[in-house]
C-alpha atoms as a PDB file:
ATOM      1  CA  MET A   1      -0.097  -0.371   0.357  1.00  0.00           C
ATOM      2  CA  GLU A   2       0.873   3.507  -0.499  1.00  0.00           C
ATOM      3  CA  TYR A   3      -0.209   6.551   0.568  1.00  0.00           C
ATOM      4  CA  THR A   4       0.347  10.628   0.443  1.00  0.00           C
ATOM      5  CA  ILE A   5       1.713  12.140   2.758  1.00  0.00           C
ATOM      6  CA  LEU A   6       2.849  15.885   3.661  1.00  0.00           C
ATOM      7  CA  ILE A   7       6.366  17.258   5.698  1.00  0.00           C
ATOM      8  CA  HIS A   8       6.176  20.201   7.075  1.00  0.00           C
ATOM      9  CA  GLN A   9       8.812  21.732   8.687  1.00  0.00           C
ATOM     10  CA  ALA A  10       8.282  22.472  12.921  1.00  0.00           C
ATOM     11  CA  GLU A  11       8.890  26.055  14.105  1.00  0.00           C
ATOM     12  CA  GLU A  12      10.455  24.665  16.893  1.00  0.00           C
ATOM     13  CA  GLY A  13      13.222  23.146  14.590  1.00  0.00           C
ATOM     14  CA  GLY A  14      12.777  19.224  12.880  1.00  0.00           C
ATOM     15  CA  PHE A  15       9.994  19.027  10.692  1.00  0.00           C
ATOM     16  CA  TRP A  16       6.303  16.541  11.438  1.00  0.00           C
ATOM     17  CA  SER A  17       4.442  14.951   8.176  1.00  0.00           C
ATOM     18  CA  GLU A  18       0.179  14.276   8.313  1.00  0.00           C
ATOM     19  CA  VAL A  19      -1.340  11.648   6.683  1.00  0.00           C
ATOM     20  CA  PRO A  20      -4.150  12.714   4.823  1.00  0.00           C
ATOM     21  CA  ALA A  21      -6.026   9.649   3.815  1.00  0.00           C
ATOM     22  CA  LEU A  22      -4.972   8.640   7.506  1.00  0.00           C
ATOM     23  CA  PRO A  23      -6.797  10.809   9.761  1.00  0.00           C
ATOM     24  CA  GLY A  24      -4.782  11.355  12.865  1.00  0.00           C
ATOM     25  CA  CYS A  25      -2.442   9.698  11.327  1.00  0.00           C
ATOM     26  CA  TYR A  26       1.261  11.604  12.457  1.00  0.00           C
ATOM     27  CA  SER A  27       4.625  11.956  12.680  1.00  0.00           C
ATOM     28  CA  GLN A  28       7.799  13.329  13.583  1.00  0.00           C
ATOM     29  CA  GLY A  29      11.707  13.114  13.535  1.00  0.00           C
ATOM     30  CA  GLU A  30      14.746  15.943  13.448  1.00  0.00           C
ATOM     31  CA  THR A  31      15.206  15.080   9.316  1.00  0.00           C
ATOM     32  CA  ILE A  32      13.538  14.216   6.641  1.00  0.00           C
ATOM     33  CA  ASP A  33      14.826  11.433   6.297  1.00  0.00           C
ATOM     34  CA  GLN A  34      14.318  10.238  10.271  1.00  0.00           C
ATOM     35  CA  THR A  35      10.281  11.349   9.707  1.00  0.00           C
ATOM     36  CA  LEU A  36      10.265   9.467   6.360  1.00  0.00           C
ATOM     37  CA  GLN A  37      11.088   6.420   8.247  1.00  0.00           C
ATOM     38  CA  ASN A  38       9.054   7.369  11.684  1.00  0.00           C
ATOM     39  CA  THR A  39       6.157   7.981   9.564  1.00  0.00           C
ATOM     40  CA  LYS A  40       6.207   4.114   7.892  1.00  0.00           C
ATOM     41  CA  GLU A  41       6.548   2.812  11.051  1.00  0.00           C
ATOM     42  CA  ALA A  42       3.097   5.160  12.650  1.00  0.00           C
ATOM     43  CA  ILE A  43       1.527   4.495   9.513  1.00  0.00           C
ATOM     44  CA  GLU A  44       1.312   0.248   9.904  1.00  0.00           C
ATOM     45  CA  SER A  45       0.508   1.104  13.643  1.00  0.00           C
ATOM     46  CA  HIS A  46      -2.336   3.066  12.769  1.00  0.00           C
ATOM     47  CA  LEU A  47      -3.308   0.441  10.079  1.00  0.00           C
ATOM     48  CA  ILE A  48      -2.552  -2.744  12.911  1.00  0.00           C
ATOM     49  CA  ALA A  49      -5.033  -1.062  15.121  1.00  0.00           C
ATOM     50  CA  LEU A  50      -7.625  -0.651  11.868  1.00  0.00           C
ATOM     51  CA  LYS A  51      -6.906  -4.165  11.525  1.00  0.00           C
ATOM     52  CA  GLU A  52      -7.855  -5.160  15.315  1.00  0.00           C
ATOM     53  CA  ASP A  53     -10.810  -3.152  15.583  1.00  0.00           C
ATOM     54  CA  LEU A  54     -11.990  -4.721  12.182  1.00  0.00           C
ATOM     55  CA  VAL A  55     -12.387  -1.680   9.923  1.00  0.00           C
ATOM     56  CA  ALA A  56     -10.427  -2.353   6.384  1.00  0.00           C
ATOM     57  CA  ALA A  57      -8.033   0.068   6.330  1.00  0.00           C
ATOM     58  CA  PRO A  58      -8.613   3.525   3.492  1.00  0.00           C
ATOM     59  CA  ILE A  59      -7.380   3.586  -0.441  1.00  0.00           C
ATOM     60  CA  GLU A  60      -6.583   6.821  -0.464  1.00  0.00           C
ATOM     61  CA  GLU A  61      -8.353   8.510  -3.667  1.00  0.00           C
ATOM     62  CA  SER A  62      -6.250  11.010  -5.883  1.00  0.00           C
ATOM     63  CA  LEU A  63      -4.733  13.648  -3.794  1.00  0.00           C
ATOM     64  CA  PHE A  64      -3.890  16.788  -5.703  1.00  0.00           C
ATOM     65  CA  ILE A  65      -1.275  19.399  -3.973  1.00  0.00           C
ATOM     66  CA  GLY A  66      -1.213  23.038  -5.390  1.00  0.00           C
ATOM     67  CA  LYS A  67       0.255  26.523  -4.977  1.00  0.00           C
ATOM     68  CA  VAL A  68      -1.852  29.303  -5.625  1.00  0.00           C
ATOM     69  CA  ARG A  69      -0.267  33.044  -5.811  1.00  0.00           C
ATOM     70  CA  VAL A  70      -2.637  35.275  -4.484  1.00  0.00           C
ATOM     71  CA  GLU A  71      -2.271  39.559  -4.001  1.00  0.00           C
ATOM     72  CA  VAL A  72      -3.468  41.062  -1.571  1.00  0.00           C
ATOM     73  CA  PRO A  73      -3.912  45.039  -1.791  1.00  0.00           C
ATOM     74  CA  GLY A  74      -1.750  46.401   1.764  1.00  0.00           C
ATOM     75  CA  LEU A  75      -0.459  42.735   2.517  1.00  0.00           C
END
């Protein structure tokens, strides 16, 4: 299974991640590589918990990520 993850730079240093297809599935790390590894482990744990609760693992639907430039006068 593959899931899209979003990695954010943390204000206090390091990084944190979220998995949009798995609400409540987050992780963190000091480096991006560490965050990726920790997120993989978080996803595995999340899916095991769903299985134990007899809940089917969500299949990720198409996810599009983009940027939009806006210009607001005075900002």
